[in-house]
Amino acid sequence: MSYQIAKQDGGQFAVTFTGEPDYCRALSMAPESMEPELAEGLWLVLVFAVWSVPDRRAIAVALTAVKDLGGRVRLGVRPCDDPGETTGWCPEVEDGGATPQWLVLRDGRLVDARVGLLPPDELAALLAQHLA
């Protein structure tokens, strides 16, 4: 399990995965619209604040959860500086001003959203209910 978070030219941050399954994707920071790949299948998108150490640690929890499901849920990890950035690409999200944001998308539609740190068992239960 390996990932890095780095500041890019222009001030945005990017996540890079090394040695992770192809169903684990690093998503760009603050896009104007949803990526086409999120419009197919079941996704967990973790939006984390780049300045929050607990948020950064949530990436490991998300990776473990989707790997335990063997790829039946894909993972997207998106850095943010402001939680309100999410409404730019997923307007259904209510901006509560908190992170991390755990978004479950089915074929590009938001079907569940949680905010705050989730223990591994709660995240597993959340994903299991959308696989049923």
N, C-alpha and C. Protein backbone atom coordinates (compact mmCIF):
# COMPACT_ATOMS: atom_id res chain seq x y z
N MET A 1 0.86 -1.17 0.00
CA MET A 1 0.00 0.00 0.00
C MET A 1 0.90 1.23 0.00
N SER A 2 0.85 1.95 -1.09
CA SER A 2 1.76 3.07 -1.20
C SER A 2 1.12 4.23 -1.95
N TYR A 3 1.19 5.38 -1.33
CA TYR A 3 0.70 6.59 -2.00
C TYR A 3 1.53 7.77 -1.53
N GLN A 4 1.55 8.79 -2.37
CA GLN A 4 2.23 10.03 -2.04
C GLN A 4 1.32 11.19 -2.38
N ILE A 5 1.47 12.26 -1.63
CA ILE A 5 0.74 13.50 -1.87
C ILE A 5 1.79 14.58 -2.07
N ALA A 6 1.71 15.27 -3.20
CA ALA A 6 2.73 16.27 -3.50
C ALA A 6 2.09 17.52 -4.10
N LYS A 7 2.68 18.66 -3.78
CA LYS A 7 2.25 19.93 -4.36
C LYS A 7 2.82 20.03 -5.77
N GLN A 8 1.97 20.42 -6.69
CA GLN A 8 2.35 20.53 -8.10
C GLN A 8 2.59 22.00 -8.46
N ASP A 9 3.14 22.20 -9.65
CA ASP A 9 3.25 23.56 -10.17
C ASP A 9 1.84 24.14 -10.25
N GLY A 10 1.69 25.38 -9.89
CA GLY A 10 0.38 25.99 -9.91
C GLY A 10 -0.32 25.92 -8.56
N GLY A 11 0.29 25.23 -7.60
CA GLY A 11 -0.26 25.22 -6.25
C GLY A 11 -1.22 24.11 -5.91
N GLN A 12 -1.65 23.33 -6.90
CA GLN A 12 -2.55 22.23 -6.60
C GLN A 12 -1.76 21.02 -6.10
N PHE A 13 -2.48 20.11 -5.44
CA PHE A 13 -1.87 18.89 -4.94
C PHE A 13 -2.33 17.71 -5.78
N ALA A 14 -1.51 16.67 -5.79
CA ALA A 14 -1.85 15.46 -6.54
C ALA A 14 -1.47 14.25 -5.69
N VAL A 15 -2.24 13.20 -5.86
CA VAL A 15 -1.98 11.92 -5.22
C VAL A 15 -1.38 11.01 -6.28
N THR A 16 -0.39 10.24 -5.88
CA THR A 16 0.20 9.24 -6.76
C THR A 16 0.20 7.91 -6.04
N PHE A 17 -0.35 6.88 -6.70
CA PHE A 17 -0.34 5.53 -6.14
C PHE A 17 0.80 4.74 -6.78
N THR A 18 1.43 3.91 -5.98
CA THR A 18 2.47 3.01 -6.46
C THR A 18 2.14 1.61 -5.99
N GLY A 19 2.03 0.68 -6.94
CA GLY A 19 1.78 -0.70 -6.59
C GLY A 19 0.38 -1.00 -6.11
N GLU A 20 -0.56 -0.12 -6.40
CA GLU A 20 -1.95 -0.34 -6.02
C GLU A 20 -2.73 -0.88 -7.22
N PRO A 21 -3.83 -1.60 -6.96
CA PRO A 21 -4.63 -2.14 -8.07
C PRO A 21 -5.16 -1.02 -8.98
N ASP A 22 -5.47 -1.38 -10.21
CA ASP A 22 -5.93 -0.37 -11.17
C ASP A 22 -7.32 0.18 -10.85
N TYR A 23 -8.04 -0.45 -9.93
CA TYR A 23 -9.34 0.10 -9.53
C TYR A 23 -9.19 1.17 -8.44
N CYS A 24 -7.96 1.52 -8.10
CA CYS A 24 -7.68 2.62 -7.17
C CYS A 24 -7.08 3.76 -7.99
N ARG A 25 -7.80 4.87 -8.06
CA ARG A 25 -7.40 5.96 -8.94
C ARG A 25 -7.17 7.25 -8.17
N ALA A 26 -6.14 7.97 -8.55
CA ALA A 26 -5.91 9.31 -8.04
C ALA A 26 -6.70 10.26 -8.94
N LEU A 27 -7.50 11.10 -8.34
CA LEU A 27 -8.32 12.07 -9.08
C LEU A 27 -7.73 13.46 -8.90
N SER A 28 -7.97 14.31 -9.87
CA SER A 28 -7.40 15.66 -9.82
C SER A 28 -8.13 16.53 -8.81
N MET A 29 -7.44 17.54 -8.36
CA MET A 29 -7.96 18.48 -7.38
C MET A 29 -8.86 19.50 -8.06
N ALA A 30 -10.06 19.71 -7.49
CA ALA A 30 -10.99 20.77 -7.90
C ALA A 30 -11.30 20.81 -9.40
N PRO A 31 -11.72 19.69 -9.98
CA PRO A 31 -12.09 19.76 -11.40
C PRO A 31 -13.42 20.52 -11.57
N GLU A 32 -13.65 20.99 -12.77
CA GLU A 32 -14.89 21.70 -13.05
C GLU A 32 -16.06 20.75 -13.25
N SER A 33 -15.78 19.51 -13.64
CA SER A 33 -16.85 18.53 -13.84
C SER A 33 -16.34 17.14 -13.48
N MET A 34 -17.27 16.22 -13.34
CA MET A 34 -16.95 14.86 -12.97
C MET A 34 -16.23 14.15 -14.12
N GLU A 35 -15.24 13.36 -13.77
CA GLU A 35 -14.52 12.58 -14.77
C GLU A 35 -15.43 11.52 -15.37
N PRO A 36 -15.32 11.25 -16.67
CA PRO A 36 -16.17 10.25 -17.31
C PRO A 36 -16.08 8.87 -16.68
N GLU A 37 -14.91 8.49 -16.17
CA GLU A 37 -14.76 7.15 -15.59
C GLU A 37 -15.65 6.95 -14.36
N LEU A 38 -16.02 8.04 -13.67
CA LEU A 38 -16.88 7.92 -12.49
C LEU A 38 -18.34 7.66 -12.87
N ALA A 39 -18.64 7.74 -14.15
CA ALA A 39 -20.02 7.53 -14.62
C ALA A 39 -20.32 6.06 -14.87
N GLU A 40 -19.37 5.18 -14.58
CA GLU A 40 -19.58 3.75 -14.82
C GLU A 40 -19.23 2.96 -13.57
N GLY A 41 -20.21 2.22 -13.05
CA GLY A 41 -19.95 1.33 -11.93
C GLY A 41 -20.12 1.99 -10.57
N LEU A 42 -19.68 1.26 -9.55
CA LEU A 42 -19.79 1.70 -8.16
C LEU A 42 -18.44 2.23 -7.70
N TRP A 43 -18.44 3.45 -7.19
CA TRP A 43 -17.23 4.13 -6.76
C TRP A 43 -17.36 4.63 -5.34
N LEU A 44 -16.27 4.56 -4.62
CA LEU A 44 -16.10 5.31 -3.38
C LEU A 44 -15.11 6.41 -3.72
N VAL A 45 -15.53 7.65 -3.55
CA VAL A 45 -14.63 8.78 -3.77
C VAL A 45 -14.35 9.42 -2.42
N LEU A 46 -13.09 9.41 -2.05
CA LEU A 46 -12.65 10.05 -0.81
C LEU A 46 -12.09 11.42 -1.16
N VAL A 47 -12.72 12.46 -0.64
CA VAL A 47 -12.23 13.82 -0.82
C VAL A 47 -11.59 14.21 0.50
N PHE A 48 -10.28 14.47 0.47
CA PHE A 48 -9.57 14.76 1.70
C PHE A 48 -8.89 16.13 1.63
N ALA A 49 -8.82 16.79 2.78
CA ALA A 49 -8.15 18.08 2.86
C ALA A 49 -6.65 17.86 2.91
N VAL A 50 -5.93 18.51 2.02
CA VAL A 50 -4.48 18.30 1.93
C VAL A 50 -3.76 18.74 3.19
N TRP A 51 -4.34 19.63 3.95
CA TRP A 51 -3.71 20.18 5.15
C TRP A 51 -4.07 19.41 6.42
N SER A 52 -4.85 18.35 6.30
CA SER A 52 -5.31 17.60 7.46
C SER A 52 -4.62 16.23 7.55
N VAL A 53 -3.84 16.03 8.59
CA VAL A 53 -3.17 14.75 8.78
C VAL A 53 -4.17 13.61 8.95
N PRO A 54 -5.23 13.75 9.75
CA PRO A 54 -6.21 12.67 9.84
C PRO A 54 -6.88 12.35 8.50
N ASP A 55 -7.16 13.37 7.70
CA ASP A 55 -7.73 13.14 6.36
C ASP A 55 -6.76 12.34 5.51
N ARG A 56 -5.50 12.69 5.55
CA ARG A 56 -4.49 11.99 4.76
C ARG A 56 -4.41 10.52 5.18
N ARG A 57 -4.56 10.25 6.46
CA ARG A 57 -4.54 8.87 6.95
C ARG A 57 -5.77 8.10 6.51
N ALA A 58 -6.85 8.79 6.22
CA ALA A 58 -8.08 8.14 5.75
C ALA A 58 -7.87 7.45 4.41
N ILE A 59 -6.88 7.86 3.66
CA ILE A 59 -6.59 7.23 2.38
C ILE A 59 -6.27 5.75 2.58
N ALA A 60 -5.49 5.44 3.60
CA ALA A 60 -5.13 4.04 3.89
C ALA A 60 -6.37 3.23 4.25
N VAL A 61 -7.30 3.83 4.99
CA VAL A 61 -8.54 3.15 5.35
C VAL A 61 -9.35 2.84 4.10
N ALA A 62 -9.44 3.82 3.19
CA ALA A 62 -10.18 3.63 1.94
C ALA A 62 -9.55 2.55 1.07
N LEU A 63 -8.23 2.57 0.96
CA LEU A 63 -7.53 1.56 0.16
C LEU A 63 -7.81 0.16 0.70
N THR A 64 -7.70 -0.01 2.00
CA THR A 64 -7.94 -1.32 2.61
C THR A 64 -9.37 -1.78 2.35
N ALA A 65 -10.33 -0.88 2.51
CA ALA A 65 -11.74 -1.24 2.34
C ALA A 65 -12.03 -1.73 0.92
N VAL A 66 -11.54 -1.04 -0.09
CA VAL A 66 -11.86 -1.46 -1.46
C VAL A 66 -11.07 -2.71 -1.84
N LYS A 67 -9.87 -2.85 -1.32
CA LYS A 67 -9.10 -4.06 -1.62
C LYS A 67 -9.75 -5.28 -0.98
N ASP A 68 -10.34 -5.11 0.21
CA ASP A 68 -11.05 -6.21 0.85
C ASP A 68 -12.24 -6.67 0.02
N LEU A 69 -12.76 -5.80 -0.83
CA LEU A 69 -13.90 -6.14 -1.70
C LEU A 69 -13.44 -6.61 -3.08
N GLY A 70 -12.16 -6.74 -3.26
CA GLY A 70 -11.62 -7.31 -4.49
C GLY A 70 -11.95 -6.57 -5.76
N GLY A 71 -12.12 -5.26 -5.66
CA GLY A 71 -12.38 -4.48 -6.87
C GLY A 71 -13.85 -4.32 -7.24
N ARG A 72 -14.75 -4.85 -6.42
CA ARG A 72 -16.18 -4.68 -6.73
C ARG A 72 -16.62 -3.23 -6.54
N VAL A 73 -15.84 -2.47 -5.78
CA VAL A 73 -16.03 -1.03 -5.62
C VAL A 73 -14.71 -0.39 -6.04
N ARG A 74 -14.79 0.59 -6.91
CA ARG A 74 -13.58 1.30 -7.32
C ARG A 74 -13.37 2.49 -6.38
N LEU A 75 -12.13 2.89 -6.25
CA LEU A 75 -11.78 3.99 -5.35
C LEU A 75 -11.20 5.14 -6.14
N GLY A 76 -11.70 6.33 -5.85
CA GLY A 76 -11.11 7.56 -6.34
C GLY A 76 -10.71 8.40 -5.14
N VAL A 77 -9.52 8.94 -5.16
CA VAL A 77 -9.02 9.76 -4.06
C VAL A 77 -8.74 11.15 -4.61
N ARG A 78 -9.44 12.14 -4.05
CA ARG A 78 -9.34 13.50 -4.57
C ARG A 78 -8.88 14.47 -3.47
N PRO A 79 -7.76 15.16 -3.68
CA PRO A 79 -7.34 16.18 -2.72
C PRO A 79 -8.19 17.43 -2.86
N CYS A 80 -8.33 18.16 -1.75
CA CYS A 80 -9.01 19.46 -1.80
C CYS A 80 -8.33 20.40 -0.82
N ASP A 81 -8.53 21.68 -1.04
CA ASP A 81 -8.06 22.69 -0.10
C ASP A 81 -9.25 23.22 0.69
N ASP A 82 -10.42 23.21 0.06
CA ASP A 82 -11.65 23.69 0.66
C ASP A 82 -12.73 22.65 0.35
N PRO A 83 -13.46 22.17 1.37
CA PRO A 83 -14.49 21.16 1.11
C PRO A 83 -15.55 21.60 0.10
N GLY A 84 -15.74 22.89 -0.07
CA GLY A 84 -16.71 23.40 -1.03
C GLY A 84 -16.34 23.12 -2.47
N GLU A 85 -15.09 22.71 -2.72
CA GLU A 85 -14.66 22.39 -4.08
C GLU A 85 -15.46 21.22 -4.66
N THR A 86 -15.98 20.37 -3.80
CA THR A 86 -16.69 19.18 -4.26
C THR A 86 -17.94 19.53 -5.07
N THR A 87 -18.61 20.60 -4.71
CA THR A 87 -19.84 20.95 -5.42
C THR A 87 -19.59 21.32 -6.88
N GLY A 88 -18.36 21.64 -7.24
CA GLY A 88 -18.03 21.95 -8.64
C GLY A 88 -18.18 20.75 -9.55
N TRP A 89 -17.83 19.57 -9.06
CA TRP A 89 -17.92 18.36 -9.89
C TRP A 89 -19.05 17.44 -9.46
N CYS A 90 -19.60 17.64 -8.27
CA CYS A 90 -20.71 16.82 -7.78
C CYS A 90 -21.69 17.74 -7.04
N PRO A 91 -22.54 18.44 -7.79
CA PRO A 91 -23.40 19.46 -7.18
C PRO A 91 -24.41 18.93 -6.18
N GLU A 92 -24.63 17.60 -6.17
CA GLU A 92 -25.58 17.02 -5.22
C GLU A 92 -25.06 17.04 -3.79
N VAL A 93 -23.76 17.22 -3.62
CA VAL A 93 -23.16 17.22 -2.29
C VAL A 93 -23.52 18.51 -1.57
N GLU A 94 -24.01 18.36 -0.36
CA GLU A 94 -24.28 19.53 0.47
C GLU A 94 -22.97 19.93 1.15
N ASP A 95 -22.55 21.15 0.95
CA ASP A 95 -21.28 21.60 1.50
C ASP A 95 -21.44 21.88 2.98
N GLY A 96 -20.98 20.94 3.79
CA GLY A 96 -21.04 21.13 5.22
C GLY A 96 -19.77 21.74 5.78
N GLY A 97 -18.80 21.97 4.92
CA GLY A 97 -17.56 22.59 5.36
C GLY A 97 -16.62 21.67 6.10
N ALA A 98 -16.85 20.37 6.03
CA ALA A 98 -16.01 19.44 6.76
C ALA A 98 -15.43 18.38 5.83
N THR A 99 -14.34 17.78 6.28
CA THR A 99 -13.69 16.70 5.56
C THR A 99 -13.28 15.65 6.57
N PRO A 100 -12.93 14.47 6.13
CA PRO A 100 -13.01 14.00 4.75
C PRO A 100 -14.46 13.74 4.34
N GLN A 101 -14.66 13.74 3.04
CA GLN A 101 -15.97 13.43 2.46
C GLN A 101 -15.86 12.05 1.81
N TRP A 102 -16.78 11.17 2.17
CA TRP A 102 -16.84 9.81 1.62
C TRP A 102 -18.08 9.77 0.73
N LEU A 103 -17.89 9.75 -0.57
CA LEU A 103 -18.99 9.79 -1.52
C LEU A 103 -19.11 8.45 -2.23
N VAL A 104 -20.31 7.91 -2.26
CA VAL A 104 -20.55 6.67 -2.99
C VAL A 104 -21.34 7.04 -4.24
N LEU A 105 -20.77 6.71 -5.39
CA LEU A 105 -21.38 7.01 -6.67
C LEU A 105 -21.71 5.71 -7.40
N ARG A 106 -22.89 5.65 -7.96
CA ARG A 106 -23.26 4.53 -8.83
C ARG A 106 -23.59 5.11 -10.19
N ASP A 107 -22.80 4.73 -11.17
CA ASP A 107 -22.97 5.22 -12.54
C ASP A 107 -23.07 6.74 -12.60
N GLY A 108 -22.19 7.39 -11.84
CA GLY A 108 -22.10 8.85 -11.87
C GLY A 108 -23.09 9.59 -11.01
N ARG A 109 -23.94 8.86 -10.30
CA ARG A 109 -24.94 9.52 -9.45
C ARG A 109 -24.60 9.29 -7.99
N LEU A 110 -24.69 10.34 -7.20
CA LEU A 110 -24.42 10.25 -5.77
C LEU A 110 -25.53 9.44 -5.11
N VAL A 111 -25.15 8.34 -4.45
CA VAL A 111 -26.15 7.50 -3.77
C VAL A 111 -25.97 7.52 -2.25
N ASP A 112 -24.84 8.01 -1.78
CA ASP A 112 -24.60 8.10 -0.34
C ASP A 112 -23.45 9.06 -0.11
N ALA A 113 -23.47 9.73 1.03
CA ALA A 113 -22.39 10.65 1.38
C ALA A 113 -22.25 10.68 2.90
N ARG A 114 -21.02 10.64 3.34
CA ARG A 114 -20.70 10.76 4.77
C ARG A 114 -19.58 11.78 4.90
N VAL A 115 -19.53 12.40 6.06
CA VAL A 115 -18.49 13.38 6.33
C VAL A 115 -17.85 13.05 7.67
N GLY A 116 -16.55 13.17 7.73
CA GLY A 116 -15.82 12.92 8.96
C GLY A 116 -15.06 11.61 8.87
N LEU A 117 -14.23 11.37 9.85
CA LEU A 117 -13.43 10.16 9.87
C LEU A 117 -14.33 8.95 10.11
N LEU A 118 -14.14 7.90 9.32
CA LEU A 118 -14.90 6.67 9.48
C LEU A 118 -13.96 5.55 9.91
N PRO A 119 -14.32 4.82 10.96
CA PRO A 119 -13.52 3.65 11.29
C PRO A 119 -13.67 2.59 10.20
N PRO A 120 -12.71 1.71 10.07
CA PRO A 120 -12.76 0.70 9.00
C PRO A 120 -14.05 -0.11 8.96
N ASP A 121 -14.59 -0.49 10.12
CA ASP A 121 -15.81 -1.30 10.12
C ASP A 121 -17.02 -0.52 9.61
N GLU A 122 -17.10 0.77 9.91
CA GLU A 122 -18.21 1.59 9.40
C GLU A 122 -18.11 1.79 7.89
N LEU A 123 -16.89 1.98 7.41
CA LEU A 123 -16.71 2.12 5.97
C LEU A 123 -17.06 0.81 5.25
N ALA A 124 -16.65 -0.30 5.82
CA ALA A 124 -16.98 -1.61 5.23
C ALA A 124 -18.49 -1.81 5.17
N ALA A 125 -19.19 -1.42 6.24
CA ALA A 125 -20.65 -1.56 6.27
C ALA A 125 -21.32 -0.65 5.25
N LEU A 126 -20.81 0.55 5.10
CA LEU A 126 -21.35 1.50 4.11
C LEU A 126 -21.23 0.92 2.71
N LEU A 127 -20.07 0.40 2.38
CA LEU A 127 -19.87 -0.16 1.04
C LEU A 127 -20.68 -1.43 0.84
N ALA A 128 -20.78 -2.27 1.86
CA ALA A 128 -21.54 -3.52 1.75
C ALA A 128 -23.00 -3.26 1.44
N GLN A 129 -23.56 -2.21 2.02
CA GLN A 129 -24.99 -1.95 1.77
C GLN A 129 -25.24 -1.54 0.31
N HIS A 130 -24.23 -1.03 -0.36
CA HIS A 130 -24.41 -0.64 -1.76
C HIS A 130 -24.05 -1.77 -2.73
N LEU A 131 -23.52 -2.83 -2.20
CA LEU A 131 -23.24 -4.01 -3.02
C LEU A 131 -24.40 -5.00 -2.99
N ALA A 132 -25.28 -4.84 -2.02
CA ALA A 132 -26.40 -5.79 -1.86
C ALA A 132 -27.40 -5.68 -2.99
